[in-house]
Amino acid sequence: MSDRRVARGQLDELLEPSERPGVTVRVIPFDVDGFAGASAALLYAGGRVPVLDTVQKDTVEWASLEPAPSRDFLHRLATEL
């Protein structure tokens, strides 16, 4: 049972910030063709003012659900656990 509780907690940690302005969480379904082996580059740009630091990640929007269906999926999964 603790494994389910941990998994539910992890989903909640994804869902909570997804409700904030400027935060987007997108789910990539397992059945998307051509996604296996895809890699994502990450660029971190920091400076003197940490609040202005920026992270840019190459996107995989073509393979992901829109934000609202992604949140719905995560809510449904958390409920099933």
PDB file of N, CA and C in Angstrom:
ATOM      1  N   MET A   1       0.808  -1.195   0.000  1.00  0.00           N
ATOM      2  CA  MET A   1       0.000   0.000   0.000  1.00  0.00           C
ATOM      3  C   MET A   1       0.852   1.259   0.000  1.00  0.00           C
ATOM      4  N   SER A   2       2.025   1.208   0.609  1.00  0.00           N
ATOM      5  CA  SER A   2       2.840   2.422   0.640  1.00  0.00           C
ATOM      6  C   SER A   2       3.307   2.812  -0.762  1.00  0.00           C
ATOM      7  N   ASP A   3       3.487   1.832  -1.658  1.00  0.00           N
ATOM      8  CA  ASP A   3       3.878   2.162  -3.028  1.00  0.00           C
ATOM      9  C   ASP A   3       2.805   2.994  -3.718  1.00  0.00           C
ATOM     10  N   ARG A   4       1.550   2.651  -3.505  1.00  0.00           N
ATOM     11  CA  ARG A   4       0.456   3.423  -4.079  1.00  0.00           C
ATOM     12  C   ARG A   4       0.395   4.816  -3.468  1.00  0.00           C
ATOM     13  N   ARG A   5       0.618   4.895  -2.167  1.00  0.00           N
ATOM     14  CA  ARG A   5       0.589   6.190  -1.487  1.00  0.00           C
ATOM     15  C   ARG A   5       1.716   7.077  -2.017  1.00  0.00           C
ATOM     16  N   VAL A   6       2.874   6.504  -2.232  1.00  0.00           N
ATOM     17  CA  VAL A   6       4.008   7.258  -2.782  1.00  0.00           C
ATOM     18  C   VAL A   6       3.703   7.721  -4.201  1.00  0.00           C
ATOM     19  N   ALA A   7       3.165   6.825  -5.025  1.00  0.00           N
ATOM     20  CA  ALA A   7       2.833   7.190  -6.409  1.00  0.00           C
ATOM     21  C   ALA A   7       1.772   8.291  -6.443  1.00  0.00           C
ATOM     22  N   ARG A   8       0.765   8.187  -5.582  1.00  0.00           N
ATOM     23  CA  ARG A   8      -0.270   9.219  -5.514  1.00  0.00           C
ATOM     24  C   ARG A   8       0.338  10.558  -5.096  1.00  0.00           C
ATOM     25  N   GLY A   9       1.263  10.514  -4.142  1.00  0.00           N
ATOM     26  CA  GLY A   9       1.945  11.733  -3.708  1.00  0.00           C
ATOM     27  C   GLY A   9       2.755  12.365  -4.826  1.00  0.00           C
ATOM     28  N   GLN A  10       3.409  11.530  -5.632  1.00  0.00           N
ATOM     29  CA  GLN A  10       4.179  12.043  -6.761  1.00  0.00           C
ATOM     30  C   GLN A  10       3.268  12.708  -7.787  1.00  0.00           C
ATOM     31  N   LEU A  11       2.126  12.105  -8.047  1.00  0.00           N
ATOM     32  CA  LEU A  11       1.172  12.709  -8.987  1.00  0.00           C
ATOM     33  C   LEU A  11       0.656  14.037  -8.444  1.00  0.00           C
ATOM     34  N   ASP A  12       0.380  14.085  -7.137  1.00  0.00           N
ATOM     35  CA  ASP A  12      -0.067  15.340  -6.528  1.00  0.00           C
ATOM     36  C   ASP A  12       0.999  16.421  -6.662  1.00  0.00           C
ATOM     37  N   GLU A  13       2.275  16.040  -6.556  1.00  0.00           N
ATOM     38  CA  GLU A  13       3.376  16.997  -6.696  1.00  0.00           C
ATOM     39  C   GLU A  13       3.456  17.547  -8.119  1.00  0.00           C
ATOM     40  N   LEU A  14       2.995  16.787  -9.095  1.00  0.00           N
ATOM     41  CA  LEU A  14       2.927  17.275 -10.473  1.00  0.00           C
ATOM     42  C   LEU A  14       1.687  18.129 -10.706  1.00  0.00           C
ATOM     43  N   LEU A  15       0.581  17.717 -10.098  1.00  0.00           N
ATOM     44  CA  LEU A  15      -0.682  18.409 -10.327  1.00  0.00           C
ATOM     45  C   LEU A  15      -0.728  19.782  -9.673  1.00  0.00           C
ATOM     46  N   GLU A  16      -0.212  19.902  -8.475  1.00  0.00           N
ATOM     47  CA  GLU A  16      -0.311  21.159  -7.734  1.00  0.00           C
ATOM     48  C   GLU A  16       0.304  22.338  -8.495  1.00  0.00           C
ATOM     49  N   PRO A  17       1.539  22.243  -8.965  1.00  0.00           N
ATOM     50  CA  PRO A  17       2.081  23.384  -9.711  1.00  0.00           C
ATOM     51  C   PRO A  17       1.439  23.567 -11.085  1.00  0.00           C
ATOM     52  N   SER A  18       0.829  22.519 -11.633  1.00  0.00           N
ATOM     53  CA  SER A  18       0.215  22.640 -12.959  1.00  0.00           C
ATOM     54  C   SER A  18      -0.985  23.588 -12.957  1.00  0.00           C
ATOM     55  N   GLU A  19      -1.493  23.910 -11.795  1.00  0.00           N
ATOM     56  CA  GLU A  19      -2.614  24.838 -11.676  1.00  0.00           C
ATOM     57  C   GLU A  19      -2.147  26.295 -11.601  1.00  0.00           C
ATOM     58  N   ARG A  20      -0.843  26.515 -11.472  1.00  0.00           N
ATOM     59  CA  ARG A  20      -0.308  27.870 -11.355  1.00  0.00           C
ATOM     60  C   ARG A  20      -0.144  28.517 -12.727  1.00  0.00           C
ATOM     61  N   PRO A  21      -0.300  29.845 -12.780  1.00  0.00           N
ATOM     62  CA  PRO A  21      -0.057  30.546 -14.043  1.00  0.00           C
ATOM     63  C   PRO A  21       1.405  30.380 -14.462  1.00  0.00           C
ATOM     64  N   GLY A  22       1.620  30.170 -15.730  1.00  0.00           N
ATOM     65  CA  GLY A  22       2.978  30.066 -16.255  1.00  0.00           C
ATOM     66  C   GLY A  22       3.607  28.692 -16.120  1.00  0.00           C
ATOM     67  N   VAL A  23       2.890  27.733 -15.546  1.00  0.00           N
ATOM     68  CA  VAL A  23       3.414  26.370 -15.402  1.00  0.00           C
ATOM     69  C   VAL A  23       2.570  25.450 -16.276  1.00  0.00           C
ATOM     70  N   THR A  24       3.235  24.674 -17.114  1.00  0.00           N
ATOM     71  CA  THR A  24       2.538  23.741 -17.988  1.00  0.00           C
ATOM     72  C   THR A  24       3.073  22.336 -17.757  1.00  0.00           C
ATOM     73  N   VAL A  25       2.180  21.402 -17.533  1.00  0.00           N
ATOM     74  CA  VAL A  25       2.534  19.989 -17.411  1.00  0.00           C
ATOM     75  C   VAL A  25       1.822  19.271 -18.538  1.00  0.00           C
ATOM     76  N   ARG A  26       2.591  18.519 -19.324  1.00  0.00           N
ATOM     77  CA  ARG A  26       2.020  17.776 -20.447  1.00  0.00           C
ATOM     78  C   ARG A  26       2.423  16.313 -20.331  1.00  0.00           C
ATOM     79  N   VAL A  27       1.454  15.435 -20.570  1.00  0.00           N
ATOM     80  CA  VAL A  27       1.658  13.990 -20.492  1.00  0.00           C
ATOM     81  C   VAL A  27       1.936  13.457 -21.887  1.00  0.00           C
ATOM     82  N   ILE A  28       2.912  12.571 -21.982  1.00  0.00           N
ATOM     83  CA  ILE A  28       3.208  11.900 -23.248  1.00  0.00           C
ATOM     84  C   ILE A  28       2.709  10.461 -23.126  1.00  0.00           C
ATOM     85  N   PRO A  29       1.676  10.109 -23.880  1.00  0.00           N
ATOM     86  CA  PRO A  29       1.135   8.744 -23.812  1.00  0.00           C
ATOM     87  C   PRO A  29       2.159   7.714 -24.292  1.00  0.00           C
ATOM     88  N   PHE A  30       2.083   6.520 -23.735  1.00  0.00           N
ATOM     89  CA  PHE A  30       2.996   5.449 -24.115  1.00  0.00           C
ATOM     90  C   PHE A  30       2.816   4.997 -25.552  1.00  0.00           C
ATOM     91  N   ASP A  31       1.633   5.182 -26.114  1.00  0.00           N
ATOM     92  CA  ASP A  31       1.355   4.657 -27.450  1.00  0.00           C
ATOM     93  C   ASP A  31       1.694   5.618 -28.590  1.00  0.00           C
ATOM     94  N   VAL A  32       2.474   6.661 -28.317  1.00  0.00           N
ATOM     95  CA  VAL A  32       2.862   7.608 -29.358  1.00  0.00           C
ATOM     96  C   VAL A  32       3.967   6.993 -30.213  1.00  0.00           C
ATOM     97  N   ASP A  33       3.727   6.910 -31.520  1.00  0.00           N
ATOM     98  CA  ASP A  33       4.737   6.375 -32.435  1.00  0.00           C
ATOM     99  C   ASP A  33       5.882   7.358 -32.614  1.00  0.00           C
ATOM    100  N   GLY A  34       7.094   6.833 -32.739  1.00  0.00           N
ATOM    101  CA  GLY A  34       8.249   7.666 -33.039  1.00  0.00           C
ATOM    102  C   GLY A  34       8.850   8.387 -31.849  1.00  0.00           C
ATOM    103  N   PHE A  35       8.338   8.143 -30.650  1.00  0.00           N
ATOM    104  CA  PHE A  35       8.870   8.851 -29.491  1.00  0.00           C
ATOM    105  C   PHE A  35       9.971   8.074 -28.788  1.00  0.00           C
ATOM    106  N   ALA A  36       9.973   6.765 -28.904  1.00  0.00           N
ATOM    107  CA  ALA A  36      10.981   5.949 -28.223  1.00  0.00           C
ATOM    108  C   ALA A  36      12.382   6.382 -28.623  1.00  0.00           C
ATOM    109  N   GLY A  37      13.211   6.563 -27.647  1.00  0.00           N
ATOM    110  CA  GLY A  37      14.590   6.956 -27.905  1.00  0.00           C
ATOM    111  C   GLY A  37      14.787   8.439 -28.113  1.00  0.00           C
ATOM    112  N   ALA A  38      13.723   9.205 -28.051  1.00  0.00           N
ATOM    113  CA  ALA A  38      13.865  10.653 -28.216  1.00  0.00           C
ATOM    114  C   ALA A  38      14.609  11.229 -27.018  1.00  0.00           C
ATOM    115  N   SER A  39      15.457  12.183 -27.278  1.00  0.00           N
ATOM    116  CA  SER A  39      16.173  12.817 -26.180  1.00  0.00           C
ATOM    117  C   SER A  39      15.781  14.281 -26.131  1.00  0.00           C
ATOM    118  N   ALA A  40      15.979  14.884 -24.990  1.00  0.00           N
ATOM    119  CA  ALA A  40      15.619  16.286 -24.834  1.00  0.00           C
ATOM    120  C   ALA A  40      16.821  17.053 -24.317  1.00  0.00           C
ATOM    121  N   ALA A  41      17.189  18.094 -25.030  1.00  0.00           N
ATOM    122  CA  ALA A  41      18.289  18.945 -24.596  1.00  0.00           C
ATOM    123  C   ALA A  41      17.765  19.940 -23.573  1.00  0.00           C
ATOM    124  N   LEU A  42      18.609  20.277 -22.614  1.00  0.00           N
ATOM    125  CA  LEU A  42      18.233  21.216 -21.569  1.00  0.00           C
ATOM    126  C   LEU A  42      19.303  22.285 -21.483  1.00  0.00           C
ATOM    127  N   LEU A  43      18.877  23.531 -21.513  1.00  0.00           N
ATOM    128  CA  LEU A  43      19.792  24.660 -21.423  1.00  0.00           C
ATOM    129  C   LEU A  43      19.446  25.453 -20.178  1.00  0.00           C
ATOM    130  N   TYR A  44      20.435  25.684 -19.317  1.00  0.00           N
ATOM    131  CA  TYR A  44      20.230  26.475 -18.106  1.00  0.00           C
ATOM    132  C   TYR A  44      21.059  27.740 -18.237  1.00  0.00           C
ATOM    133  N   ALA A  45      20.392  28.889 -18.193  1.00  0.00           N
ATOM    134  CA  ALA A  45      21.074  30.177 -18.295  1.00  0.00           C
ATOM    135  C   ALA A  45      20.928  30.905 -16.966  1.00  0.00           C
ATOM    136  N   GLY A  46      22.029  31.065 -16.261  1.00  0.00           N
ATOM    137  CA  GLY A  46      22.006  31.738 -14.965  1.00  0.00           C
ATOM    138  C   GLY A  46      22.819  33.021 -15.016  1.00  0.00           C
ATOM    139  N   GLY A  47      22.528  33.895 -14.086  1.00  0.00           N
ATOM    140  CA  GLY A  47      23.237  35.163 -14.040  1.00  0.00           C
ATOM    141  C   GLY A  47      23.344  35.692 -12.626  1.00  0.00           C
ATOM    142  N   ARG A  48      23.588  36.970 -12.510  1.00  0.00           N
ATOM    143  CA  ARG A  48      23.760  37.598 -11.200  1.00  0.00           C
ATOM    144  C   ARG A  48      22.479  37.631 -10.383  1.00  0.00           C
ATOM    145  N   VAL A  49      21.340  37.704 -11.070  1.00  0.00           N
ATOM    146  CA  VAL A  49      20.049  37.776 -10.375  1.00  0.00           C
ATOM    147  C   VAL A  49      19.353  36.422 -10.549  1.00  0.00           C
ATOM    148  N   PRO A  50      19.427  35.549  -9.530  1.00  0.00           N
ATOM    149  CA  PRO A  50      18.893  34.192  -9.675  1.00  0.00           C
ATOM    150  C   PRO A  50      17.431  34.120 -10.077  1.00  0.00           C
ATOM    151  N   VAL A  51      16.626  35.091  -9.677  1.00  0.00           N
ATOM    152  CA  VAL A  51      15.208  35.050 -10.017  1.00  0.00           C
ATOM    153  C   VAL A  51      14.983  35.162 -11.531  1.00  0.00           C
ATOM    154  N   LEU A  52      15.979  35.663 -12.254  1.00  0.00           N
ATOM    155  CA  LEU A  52      15.869  35.787 -13.701  1.00  0.00           C
ATOM    156  C   LEU A  52      16.473  34.606 -14.461  1.00  0.00           C
ATOM    157  N   ASP A  53      16.993  33.621 -13.724  1.00  0.00           N
ATOM    158  CA  ASP A  53      17.545  32.437 -14.372  1.00  0.00           C
ATOM    159  C   ASP A  53      16.466  31.784 -15.235  1.00  0.00           C
ATOM    160  N   THR A  54      16.890  31.185 -16.317  1.00  0.00           N
ATOM    161  CA  THR A  54      15.962  30.601 -17.279  1.00  0.00           C
ATOM    162  C   THR A  54      16.377  29.176 -17.607  1.00  0.00           C
ATOM    163  N   VAL A  55      15.392  28.323 -17.756  1.00  0.00           N
ATOM    164  CA  VAL A  55      15.626  26.953 -18.212  1.00  0.00           C
ATOM    165  C   VAL A  55      14.835  26.765 -19.492  1.00  0.00           C
ATOM    166  N   GLN A  56      15.510  26.279 -20.520  1.00  0.00           N
ATOM    167  CA  GLN A  56      14.837  26.004 -21.791  1.00  0.00           C
ATOM    168  C   GLN A  56      15.020  24.538 -22.103  1.00  0.00           C
ATOM    169  N   LYS A  57      13.923  23.866 -22.386  1.00  0.00           N
ATOM    170  CA  LYS A  57      13.952  22.448 -22.716  1.00  0.00           C
ATOM    171  C   LYS A  57      13.351  22.286 -24.099  1.00  0.00           C
ATOM    172  N   ASP A  58      14.059  21.544 -24.957  1.00  0.00           N
ATOM    173  CA  ASP A  58      13.481  21.257 -26.266  1.00  0.00           C
ATOM    174  C   ASP A  58      12.141  20.558 -26.050  1.00  0.00           C
ATOM    175  N   THR A  59      11.154  20.986 -26.761  1.00  0.00           N
ATOM    176  CA  THR A  59       9.809  20.488 -26.503  1.00  0.00           C
ATOM    177  C   THR A  59       9.492  19.233 -27.301  1.00  0.00           C
ATOM    178  N   VAL A  60       8.547  18.516 -26.783  1.00  0.00           N
ATOM    179  CA  VAL A  60       8.000  17.339 -27.467  1.00  0.00           C
ATOM    180  C   VAL A  60       6.486  17.491 -27.534  1.00  0.00           C
ATOM    181  N   GLU A  61       6.044  18.729 -27.803  1.00  0.00           N
ATOM    182  CA  GLU A  61       4.609  19.008 -27.822  1.00  0.00           C
ATOM    183  C   GLU A  61       3.867  18.152 -28.834  1.00  0.00           C
ATOM    184  N   TRP A  62       4.508  17.807 -29.934  1.00  0.00           N
ATOM    185  CA  TRP A  62       3.859  17.010 -30.967  1.00  0.00           C
ATOM    186  C   TRP A  62       3.420  15.662 -30.414  1.00  0.00           C
ATOM    187  N   ALA A  63       4.086  15.169 -29.364  1.00  0.00           N
ATOM    188  CA  ALA A  63       3.788  13.849 -28.828  1.00  0.00           C
ATOM    189  C   ALA A  63       2.934  13.900 -27.567  1.00  0.00           C
ATOM    190  N   SER A  64       2.694  15.090 -27.033  1.00  0.00           N
ATOM    191  CA  SER A  64       2.039  15.185 -25.733  1.00  0.00           C
ATOM    192  C   SER A  64       0.586  15.629 -25.837  1.00  0.00           C
ATOM    193  N   LEU A  65      -0.154  15.307 -24.791  1.00  0.00           N
ATOM    194  CA  LEU A  65      -1.519  15.801 -24.664  1.00  0.00           C
ATOM    195  C   LEU A  65      -1.482  17.285 -24.325  1.00  0.00           C
ATOM    196  N   GLU A  66      -2.532  17.992 -24.641  1.00  0.00           N
ATOM    197  CA  GLU A  66      -2.659  19.389 -24.245  1.00  0.00           C
ATOM    198  C   GLU A  66      -2.663  19.470 -22.713  1.00  0.00           C
ATOM    199  N   PRO A  67      -2.397  20.653 -22.133  1.00  0.00           N
ATOM    200  CA  PRO A  67      -2.322  20.761 -20.677  1.00  0.00           C
ATOM    201  C   PRO A  67      -3.577  20.294 -19.923  1.00  0.00           C
ATOM    202  N   ALA A  68      -4.764  20.703 -20.331  1.00  0.00           N
ATOM    203  CA  ALA A  68      -5.984  20.300 -19.604  1.00  0.00           C
ATOM    204  C   ALA A  68      -6.205  18.784 -19.649  1.00  0.00           C
ATOM    205  N   PRO A  69      -6.122  18.133 -20.826  1.00  0.00           N
ATOM    206  CA  PRO A  69      -6.248  16.676 -20.842  1.00  0.00           C
ATOM    207  C   PRO A  69      -5.123  15.982 -20.062  1.00  0.00           C
ATOM    208  N   SER A  70      -3.945  16.597 -20.016  1.00  0.00           N
ATOM    209  CA  SER A  70      -2.850  16.022 -19.228  1.00  0.00           C
ATOM    210  C   SER A  70      -3.198  16.035 -17.745  1.00  0.00           C
ATOM    211  N   ARG A  71      -3.741  17.175 -17.255  1.00  0.00           N
ATOM    212  CA  ARG A  71      -4.156  17.249 -15.843  1.00  0.00           C
ATOM    213  C   ARG A  71      -5.273  16.247 -15.562  1.00  0.00           C
ATOM    214  N   ASP A  72      -6.227  16.141 -16.485  1.00  0.00           N
ATOM    215  CA  ASP A  72      -7.319  15.173 -16.312  1.00  0.00           C
ATOM    216  C   ASP A  72      -6.768  13.755 -16.212  1.00  0.00           C
ATOM    217  N   PHE A  73      -5.815  13.435 -17.072  1.00  0.00           N
ATOM    218  CA  PHE A  73      -5.201  12.106 -17.056  1.00  0.00           C
ATOM    219  C   PHE A  73      -4.532  11.837 -15.710  1.00  0.00           C
ATOM    220  N   LEU A  74      -3.763  12.815 -15.212  1.00  0.00           N
ATOM    221  CA  LEU A  74      -3.065  12.639 -13.939  1.00  0.00           C
ATOM    222  C   LEU A  74      -4.052  12.523 -12.787  1.00  0.00           C
ATOM    223  N   HIS A  75      -5.125  13.324 -12.798  1.00  0.00           N
ATOM    224  CA  HIS A  75      -6.168  13.215 -11.763  1.00  0.00           C
ATOM    225  C   HIS A  75      -6.798  11.809 -11.790  1.00  0.00           C
ATOM    226  N   ARG A  76      -7.136  11.334 -12.978  1.00  0.00           N
ATOM    227  CA  ARG A  76      -7.757  10.016 -13.131  1.00  0.00           C
ATOM    228  C   ARG A  76      -6.812   8.925 -12.628  1.00  0.00           C
ATOM    229  N   LEU A  77      -5.551   9.023 -12.979  1.00  0.00           N
ATOM    230  CA  LEU A  77      -4.575   8.033 -12.545  1.00  0.00           C
ATOM    231  C   LEU A  77      -4.425   8.042 -11.027  1.00  0.00           C
ATOM    232  N   ALA A  78      -4.355   9.233 -10.434  1.00  0.00           N
ATOM    233  CA  ALA A  78      -4.232   9.343  -8.977  1.00  0.00           C
ATOM    234  C   ALA A  78      -5.458   8.741  -8.283  1.00  0.00           C
ATOM    235  N   THR A  79      -6.628   8.953  -8.855  1.00  0.00           N
ATOM    236  CA  THR A  79      -7.855   8.409  -8.277  1.00  0.00           C
ATOM    237  C   THR A  79      -7.860   6.883  -8.335  1.00  0.00           C
ATOM    238  N   GLU A  80      -7.349   6.330  -9.430  1.00  0.00           N
ATOM    239  CA  GLU A  80      -7.312   4.879  -9.594  1.00  0.00           C
ATOM    240  C   GLU A  80      -6.342   4.219  -8.622  1.00  0.00           C
ATOM    241  N   LEU A  81      -5.352   4.974  -8.170  1.00  0.00           N
ATOM    242  CA  LEU A  81      -4.389   4.416  -7.222  1.00  0.00           C
ATOM    243  C   LEU A  81      -5.023   4.353  -5.846  1.00  0.00           C
TER     244      LEU A  81
END
